[in-house]
Amino acid sequence: MTAHMRTVAEVFGVRIKVFNNGTDRPHFLAFYENFMGQFDLETLEMTNGDLPSATITVVREWAVDHIEELWDAWDL
């Protein structure tokens, strides 16, 4: 499988991207200004990164409502 980063959405200036290299646990990435967060697709916990807490909340709330879209993007 060829690894590539796909933009899934942009929410309040936060870019949501999925990067599936075939070896990592299912996750998605959120980019806001100079910050980044990696979120586990199963728990929606931020597992890596430095996003501000308010941005983490926005990302999680968005992800809850769009979890199927995130899983679909991961499986492509």
PDB file of N, CA and C in Angstrom:
ATOM      1  N   MET A   1       0.845  -1.174   0.000  1.00  0.00           N
ATOM      2  CA  MET A   1       0.000   0.000   0.000  1.00  0.00           C
ATOM      3  C   MET A   1       0.895   1.243   0.000  1.00  0.00           C
ATOM      4  N   THR A   2       0.543   2.193  -0.835  1.00  0.00           N
ATOM      5  CA  THR A   2       1.292   3.441  -0.889  1.00  0.00           C
ATOM      6  C   THR A   2       0.754   4.404   0.156  1.00  0.00           C
ATOM      7  N   ALA A   3       1.630   4.921   0.983  1.00  0.00           N
ATOM      8  CA  ALA A   3       1.221   5.847   2.035  1.00  0.00           C
ATOM      9  C   ALA A   3       1.019   7.236   1.441  1.00  0.00           C
ATOM     10  N   HIS A   4      -0.096   7.866   1.785  1.00  0.00           N
ATOM     11  CA  HIS A   4      -0.332   9.243   1.395  1.00  0.00           C
ATOM     12  C   HIS A   4      -1.271   9.890   2.410  1.00  0.00           C
ATOM     13  N   MET A   5      -1.130  11.195   2.557  1.00  0.00           N
ATOM     14  CA  MET A   5      -1.940  11.929   3.520  1.00  0.00           C
ATOM     15  C   MET A   5      -3.105  12.577   2.781  1.00  0.00           C
ATOM     16  N   ARG A   6      -4.302  12.271   3.241  1.00  0.00           N
ATOM     17  CA  ARG A   6      -5.518  12.752   2.598  1.00  0.00           C
ATOM     18  C   ARG A   6      -6.223  13.719   3.538  1.00  0.00           C
ATOM     19  N   THR A   7      -6.564  14.905   3.034  1.00  0.00           N
ATOM     20  CA  THR A   7      -7.341  15.858   3.825  1.00  0.00           C
ATOM     21  C   THR A   7      -8.795  15.426   3.816  1.00  0.00           C
ATOM     22  N   VAL A   8      -9.353  15.251   5.002  1.00  0.00           N
ATOM     23  CA  VAL A   8     -10.740  14.804   5.152  1.00  0.00           C
ATOM     24  C   VAL A   8     -11.664  15.998   5.344  1.00  0.00           C
ATOM     25  N   ALA A   9     -11.212  17.004   6.093  1.00  0.00           N
ATOM     26  CA  ALA A   9     -12.074  18.152   6.393  1.00  0.00           C
ATOM     27  C   ALA A   9     -11.229  19.312   6.906  1.00  0.00           C
ATOM     28  N   GLU A  10     -11.859  20.481   6.931  1.00  0.00           N
ATOM     29  CA  GLU A  10     -11.289  21.634   7.618  1.00  0.00           C
ATOM     30  C   GLU A  10     -12.407  22.219   8.474  1.00  0.00           C
ATOM     31  N   VAL A  11     -12.151  22.293   9.771  1.00  0.00           N
ATOM     32  CA  VAL A  11     -13.159  22.712  10.742  1.00  0.00           C
ATOM     33  C   VAL A  11     -12.581  23.832  11.597  1.00  0.00           C
ATOM     34  N   PHE A  12     -13.163  25.015  11.532  1.00  0.00           N
ATOM     35  CA  PHE A  12     -12.698  26.162  12.327  1.00  0.00           C
ATOM     36  C   PHE A  12     -11.184  26.362  12.205  1.00  0.00           C
ATOM     37  N   GLY A  13     -10.668  26.204  10.986  1.00  0.00           N
ATOM     38  CA  GLY A  13      -9.242  26.393  10.754  1.00  0.00           C
ATOM     39  C   GLY A  13      -8.368  25.201  11.076  1.00  0.00           C
ATOM     40  N   VAL A  14      -8.972  24.106  11.516  1.00  0.00           N
ATOM     41  CA  VAL A  14      -8.223  22.877  11.829  1.00  0.00           C
ATOM     42  C   VAL A  14      -8.341  21.935  10.629  1.00  0.00           C
ATOM     43  N   ARG A  15      -7.209  21.545  10.072  1.00  0.00           N
ATOM     44  CA  ARG A  15      -7.208  20.593   8.966  1.00  0.00           C
ATOM     45  C   ARG A  15      -7.133  19.174   9.533  1.00  0.00           C
ATOM     46  N   ILE A  16      -8.075  18.343   9.113  1.00  0.00           N
ATOM     47  CA  ILE A  16      -8.130  16.944   9.544  1.00  0.00           C
ATOM     48  C   ILE A  16      -7.617  16.097   8.387  1.00  0.00           C
ATOM     49  N   LYS A  17      -6.602  15.284   8.666  1.00  0.00           N
ATOM     50  CA  LYS A  17      -5.995  14.462   7.625  1.00  0.00           C
ATOM     51  C   LYS A  17      -5.853  13.027   8.109  1.00  0.00           C
ATOM     52  N   VAL A  18      -5.860  12.112   7.152  1.00  0.00           N
ATOM     53  CA  VAL A  18      -5.657  10.698   7.452  1.00  0.00           C
ATOM     54  C   VAL A  18      -4.431  10.227   6.685  1.00  0.00           C
ATOM     55  N   PHE A  19      -3.577   9.520   7.381  1.00  0.00           N
ATOM     56  CA  PHE A  19      -2.345   8.981   6.812  1.00  0.00           C
ATOM     57  C   PHE A  19      -2.254   7.514   7.214  1.00  0.00           C
ATOM     58  N   ASN A  20      -2.483   6.629   6.264  1.00  0.00           N
ATOM     59  CA  ASN A  20      -2.443   5.194   6.541  1.00  0.00           C
ATOM     60  C   ASN A  20      -1.247   4.601   5.820  1.00  0.00           C
ATOM     61  N   ASN A  21      -0.222   4.250   6.588  1.00  0.00           N
ATOM     62  CA  ASN A  21       0.954   3.627   5.976  1.00  0.00           C
ATOM     63  C   ASN A  21       0.907   2.109   6.081  1.00  0.00           C
ATOM     64  N   GLY A  22      -0.187   1.581   6.604  1.00  0.00           N
ATOM     65  CA  GLY A  22      -0.351   0.139   6.670  1.00  0.00           C
ATOM     66  C   GLY A  22       0.261  -0.519   7.889  1.00  0.00           C
ATOM     67  N   THR A  23       0.951   0.239   8.731  1.00  0.00           N
ATOM     68  CA  THR A  23       1.587  -0.376   9.893  1.00  0.00           C
ATOM     69  C   THR A  23       1.141   0.230  11.218  1.00  0.00           C
ATOM     70  N   ASP A  24       0.757   1.502  11.239  1.00  0.00           N
ATOM     71  CA  ASP A  24       0.364   2.158  12.487  1.00  0.00           C
ATOM     72  C   ASP A  24      -1.064   1.808  12.882  1.00  0.00           C
ATOM     73  N   ARG A  25      -1.357   2.016  14.170  1.00  0.00           N
ATOM     74  CA  ARG A  25      -2.745   1.889  14.636  1.00  0.00           C
ATOM     75  C   ARG A  25      -3.593   2.904  13.888  1.00  0.00           C
ATOM     76  N   PRO A  26      -4.880   2.623  13.676  1.00  0.00           N
ATOM     77  CA  PRO A  26      -5.755   3.588  13.001  1.00  0.00           C
ATOM     78  C   PRO A  26      -5.774   4.928  13.748  1.00  0.00           C
ATOM     79  N   HIS A  27      -5.518   6.000  13.011  1.00  0.00           N
ATOM     80  CA  HIS A  27      -5.445   7.318  13.622  1.00  0.00           C
ATOM     81  C   HIS A  27      -5.723   8.386  12.566  1.00  0.00           C
ATOM     82  N   PHE A  28      -5.903   9.608  13.024  1.00  0.00           N
ATOM     83  CA  PHE A  28      -5.978  10.746  12.120  1.00  0.00           C
ATOM     84  C   PHE A  28      -5.173  11.878  12.735  1.00  0.00           C
ATOM     85  N   LEU A  29      -4.861  12.855  11.907  1.00  0.00           N
ATOM     86  CA  LEU A  29      -4.036  13.980  12.328  1.00  0.00           C
ATOM     87  C   LEU A  29      -4.844  15.262  12.231  1.00  0.00           C
ATOM     88  N   ALA A  30      -4.592  16.170  13.147  1.00  0.00           N
ATOM     89  CA  ALA A  30      -5.232  17.484  13.134  1.00  0.00           C
ATOM     90  C   ALA A  30      -4.134  18.536  13.157  1.00  0.00           C
ATOM     91  N   PHE A  31      -4.230  19.504  12.258  1.00  0.00           N
ATOM     92  CA  PHE A  31      -3.242  20.573  12.142  1.00  0.00           C
ATOM     93  C   PHE A  31      -3.934  21.910  12.362  1.00  0.00           C
ATOM     94  N   TYR A  32      -3.401  22.714  13.271  1.00  0.00           N
ATOM     95  CA  TYR A  32      -3.941  24.036  13.557  1.00  0.00           C
ATOM     96  C   TYR A  32      -2.779  24.991  13.773  1.00  0.00           C
ATOM     97  N   GLU A  33      -2.686  26.004  12.900  1.00  0.00           N
ATOM     98  CA  GLU A  33      -1.563  26.936  12.932  1.00  0.00           C
ATOM     99  C   GLU A  33      -0.263  26.132  12.945  1.00  0.00           C
ATOM    100  N   ASN A  34       0.573  26.304  13.953  1.00  0.00           N
ATOM    101  CA  ASN A  34       1.831  25.555  14.026  1.00  0.00           C
ATOM    102  C   ASN A  34       1.745  24.339  14.942  1.00  0.00           C
ATOM    103  N   PHE A  35       0.540  23.907  15.252  1.00  0.00           N
ATOM    104  CA  PHE A  35       0.327  22.789  16.171  1.00  0.00           C
ATOM    105  C   PHE A  35      -0.174  21.566  15.407  1.00  0.00           C
ATOM    106  N   MET A  36       0.064  20.394  15.992  1.00  0.00           N
ATOM    107  CA  MET A  36      -0.381  19.146  15.399  1.00  0.00           C
ATOM    108  C   MET A  36      -0.806  18.189  16.504  1.00  0.00           C
ATOM    109  N   GLY A  37      -1.792  17.373  16.212  1.00  0.00           N
ATOM    110  CA  GLY A  37      -2.193  16.318  17.130  1.00  0.00           C
ATOM    111  C   GLY A  37      -2.507  15.051  16.369  1.00  0.00           C
ATOM    112  N   GLN A  38      -2.137  13.927  16.937  1.00  0.00           N
ATOM    113  CA  GLN A  38      -2.480  12.620  16.384  1.00  0.00           C
ATOM    114  C   GLN A  38      -3.524  11.996  17.303  1.00  0.00           C
ATOM    115  N   PHE A  39      -4.633  11.534  16.715  1.00  0.00           N
ATOM    116  CA  PHE A  39      -5.750  10.996  17.485  1.00  0.00           C
ATOM    117  C   PHE A  39      -6.007   9.549  17.108  1.00  0.00           C
ATOM    118  N   ASP A  40      -6.170   8.709  18.114  1.00  0.00           N
ATOM    119  CA  ASP A  40      -6.511   7.313  17.920  1.00  0.00           C
ATOM    120  C   ASP A  40      -7.947   7.236  17.406  1.00  0.00           C
ATOM    121  N   LEU A  41      -8.170   6.482  16.322  1.00  0.00           N
ATOM    122  CA  LEU A  41      -9.519   6.384  15.757  1.00  0.00           C
ATOM    123  C   LEU A  41     -10.479   5.599  16.637  1.00  0.00           C
ATOM    124  N   GLU A  42      -9.981   4.714  17.457  1.00  0.00           N
ATOM    125  CA  GLU A  42     -10.863   3.907  18.303  1.00  0.00           C
ATOM    126  C   GLU A  42     -11.293   4.643  19.565  1.00  0.00           C
ATOM    127  N   THR A  43     -10.405   5.441  20.139  1.00  0.00           N
ATOM    128  CA  THR A  43     -10.716   6.103  21.416  1.00  0.00           C
ATOM    129  C   THR A  43     -10.919   7.612  21.281  1.00  0.00           C
ATOM    130  N   LEU A  44     -10.461   8.181  20.161  1.00  0.00           N
ATOM    131  CA  LEU A  44     -10.467   9.631  19.914  1.00  0.00           C
ATOM    132  C   LEU A  44      -9.592  10.403  20.897  1.00  0.00           C
ATOM    133  N   GLU A  45      -8.704   9.700  21.578  1.00  0.00           N
ATOM    134  CA  GLU A  45      -7.738  10.355  22.463  1.00  0.00           C
ATOM    135  C   GLU A  45      -6.577  10.870  21.630  1.00  0.00           C
ATOM    136  N   MET A  46      -6.033  12.030  21.991  1.00  0.00           N
ATOM    137  CA  MET A  46      -4.835  12.522  21.347  1.00  0.00           C
ATOM    138  C   MET A  46      -3.649  11.742  21.902  1.00  0.00           C
ATOM    139  N   THR A  47      -2.936  11.043  21.037  1.00  0.00           N
ATOM    140  CA  THR A  47      -1.841  10.187  21.469  1.00  0.00           C
ATOM    141  C   THR A  47      -0.477  10.840  21.283  1.00  0.00           C
ATOM    142  N   ASN A  48      -0.444  11.922  20.532  1.00  0.00           N
ATOM    143  CA  ASN A  48       0.809  12.609  20.282  1.00  0.00           C
ATOM    144  C   ASN A  48       0.477  14.012  19.793  1.00  0.00           C
ATOM    145  N   GLY A  49       1.320  14.971  20.125  1.00  0.00           N
ATOM    146  CA  GLY A  49       1.139  16.306  19.596  1.00  0.00           C
ATOM    147  C   GLY A  49       1.059  17.381  20.655  1.00  0.00           C
ATOM    148  N   ASP A  50       0.788  18.598  20.167  1.00  0.00           N
ATOM    149  CA  ASP A  50       0.813  19.766  21.042  1.00  0.00           C
ATOM    150  C   ASP A  50      -0.356  20.723  20.788  1.00  0.00           C
ATOM    151  N   LEU A  51      -1.484  20.196  20.338  1.00  0.00           N
ATOM    152  CA  LEU A  51      -2.644  21.062  20.103  1.00  0.00           C
ATOM    153  C   LEU A  51      -3.107  21.719  21.399  1.00  0.00           C
ATOM    154  N   PRO A  52      -3.564  22.963  21.313  1.00  0.00           N
ATOM    155  CA  PRO A  52      -4.155  23.612  22.492  1.00  0.00           C
ATOM    156  C   PRO A  52      -5.413  22.843  22.932  1.00  0.00           C
ATOM    157  N   SER A  53      -5.723  22.891  24.212  1.00  0.00           N
ATOM    158  CA  SER A  53      -6.848  22.105  24.744  1.00  0.00           C
ATOM    159  C   SER A  53      -8.174  22.455  24.079  1.00  0.00           C
ATOM    160  N   ALA A  54      -8.412  23.726  23.780  1.00  0.00           N
ATOM    161  CA  ALA A  54      -9.672  24.103  23.125  1.00  0.00           C
ATOM    162  C   ALA A  54      -9.766  23.483  21.730  1.00  0.00           C
ATOM    163  N   THR A  55      -8.645  23.380  21.051  1.00  0.00           N
ATOM    164  CA  THR A  55      -8.627  22.776  19.719  1.00  0.00           C
ATOM    165  C   THR A  55      -8.855  21.274  19.816  1.00  0.00           C
ATOM    166  N   ILE A  56      -8.306  20.645  20.834  1.00  0.00           N
ATOM    167  CA  ILE A  56      -8.539  19.211  21.049  1.00  0.00           C
ATOM    168  C   ILE A  56     -10.038  18.959  21.210  1.00  0.00           C
ATOM    169  N   THR A  57     -10.703  19.803  21.960  1.00  0.00           N
ATOM    170  CA  THR A  57     -12.145  19.660  22.161  1.00  0.00           C
ATOM    171  C   THR A  57     -12.900  19.767  20.842  1.00  0.00           C
ATOM    172  N   VAL A  58     -12.547  20.757  20.025  1.00  0.00           N
ATOM    173  CA  VAL A  58     -13.194  20.935  18.717  1.00  0.00           C
ATOM    174  C   VAL A  58     -12.985  19.696  17.851  1.00  0.00           C
ATOM    175  N   VAL A  59     -11.764  19.195  17.819  1.00  0.00           N
ATOM    176  CA  VAL A  59     -11.446  18.025  16.996  1.00  0.00           C
ATOM    177  C   VAL A  59     -12.239  16.808  17.472  1.00  0.00           C
ATOM    178  N   ARG A  60     -12.264  16.548  18.752  1.00  0.00           N
ATOM    179  CA  ARG A  60     -12.997  15.386  19.269  1.00  0.00           C
ATOM    180  C   ARG A  60     -14.493  15.495  18.986  1.00  0.00           C
ATOM    181  N   GLU A  61     -15.062  16.684  19.200  1.00  0.00           N
ATOM    182  CA  GLU A  61     -16.490  16.855  18.931  1.00  0.00           C
ATOM    183  C   GLU A  61     -16.798  16.626  17.453  1.00  0.00           C
ATOM    184  N   TRP A  62     -15.939  17.134  16.576  1.00  0.00           N
ATOM    185  CA  TRP A  62     -16.130  16.915  15.152  1.00  0.00           C
ATOM    186  C   TRP A  62     -16.007  15.423  14.838  1.00  0.00           C
ATOM    187  N   ALA A  63     -14.996  14.779  15.409  1.00  0.00           N
ATOM    188  CA  ALA A  63     -14.735  13.364  15.112  1.00  0.00           C
ATOM    189  C   ALA A  63     -15.892  12.461  15.534  1.00  0.00           C
ATOM    190  N   VAL A  64     -16.519  12.763  16.651  1.00  0.00           N
ATOM    191  CA  VAL A  64     -17.661  11.956  17.104  1.00  0.00           C
ATOM    192  C   VAL A  64     -18.752  11.953  16.039  1.00  0.00           C
ATOM    193  N   ASP A  65     -18.993  13.112  15.448  1.00  0.00           N
ATOM    194  CA  ASP A  65     -20.049  13.233  14.435  1.00  0.00           C
ATOM    195  C   ASP A  65     -19.631  12.729  13.061  1.00  0.00           C
ATOM    196  N   HIS A  66     -18.346  12.507  12.836  1.00  0.00           N
ATOM    197  CA  HIS A  66     -17.844  12.114  11.520  1.00  0.00           C
ATOM    198  C   HIS A  66     -16.977  10.858  11.576  1.00  0.00           C
ATOM    199  N   ILE A  67     -17.213  10.017  12.567  1.00  0.00           N
ATOM    200  CA  ILE A  67     -16.353   8.846  12.765  1.00  0.00           C
ATOM    201  C   ILE A  67     -16.393   7.891  11.565  1.00  0.00           C
ATOM    202  N   GLU A  68     -17.564   7.714  10.953  1.00  0.00           N
ATOM    203  CA  GLU A  68     -17.638   6.807   9.798  1.00  0.00           C
ATOM    204  C   GLU A  68     -16.813   7.348   8.635  1.00  0.00           C
ATOM    205  N   GLU A  69     -16.850   8.652   8.434  1.00  0.00           N
ATOM    206  CA  GLU A  69     -16.056   9.290   7.373  1.00  0.00           C
ATOM    207  C   GLU A  69     -14.559   9.091   7.636  1.00  0.00           C
ATOM    208  N   LEU A  70     -14.153   9.200   8.884  1.00  0.00           N
ATOM    209  CA  LEU A  70     -12.750   8.985   9.238  1.00  0.00           C
ATOM    210  C   LEU A  70     -12.332   7.531   8.984  1.00  0.00           C
ATOM    211  N   TRP A  71     -13.177   6.582   9.393  1.00  0.00           N
ATOM    212  CA  TRP A  71     -12.856   5.167   9.159  1.00  0.00           C
ATOM    213  C   TRP A  71     -12.805   4.874   7.675  1.00  0.00           C
ATOM    214  N   ASP A  72     -13.736   5.434   6.893  1.00  0.00           N
ATOM    215  CA  ASP A  72     -13.722   5.233   5.443  1.00  0.00           C
ATOM    216  C   ASP A  72     -12.425   5.749   4.842  1.00  0.00           C
ATOM    217  N   ALA A  73     -11.976   6.926   5.280  1.00  0.00           N
ATOM    218  CA  ALA A  73     -10.729   7.498   4.774  1.00  0.00           C
ATOM    219  C   ALA A  73      -9.539   6.627   5.170  1.00  0.00           C
ATOM    220  N   TRP A  74      -9.568   6.071   6.388  1.00  0.00           N
ATOM    221  CA  TRP A  74      -8.480   5.200   6.830  1.00  0.00           C
ATOM    222  C   TRP A  74      -8.401   3.947   5.959  1.00  0.00           C
ATOM    223  N   ASP A  75      -9.560   3.411   5.575  1.00  0.00           N
ATOM    224  CA  ASP A  75      -9.605   2.155   4.827  1.00  0.00           C
ATOM    225  C   ASP A  75      -9.282   2.308   3.354  1.00  0.00           C
ATOM    226  N   LEU A  76      -9.228   3.541   2.839  1.00  0.00           N
ATOM    227  CA  LEU A  76      -8.922   3.720   1.400  1.00  0.00           C
ATOM    228  C   LEU A  76      -7.495   3.368   1.091  1.00  0.00           C
TER     229      LEU A  76
END
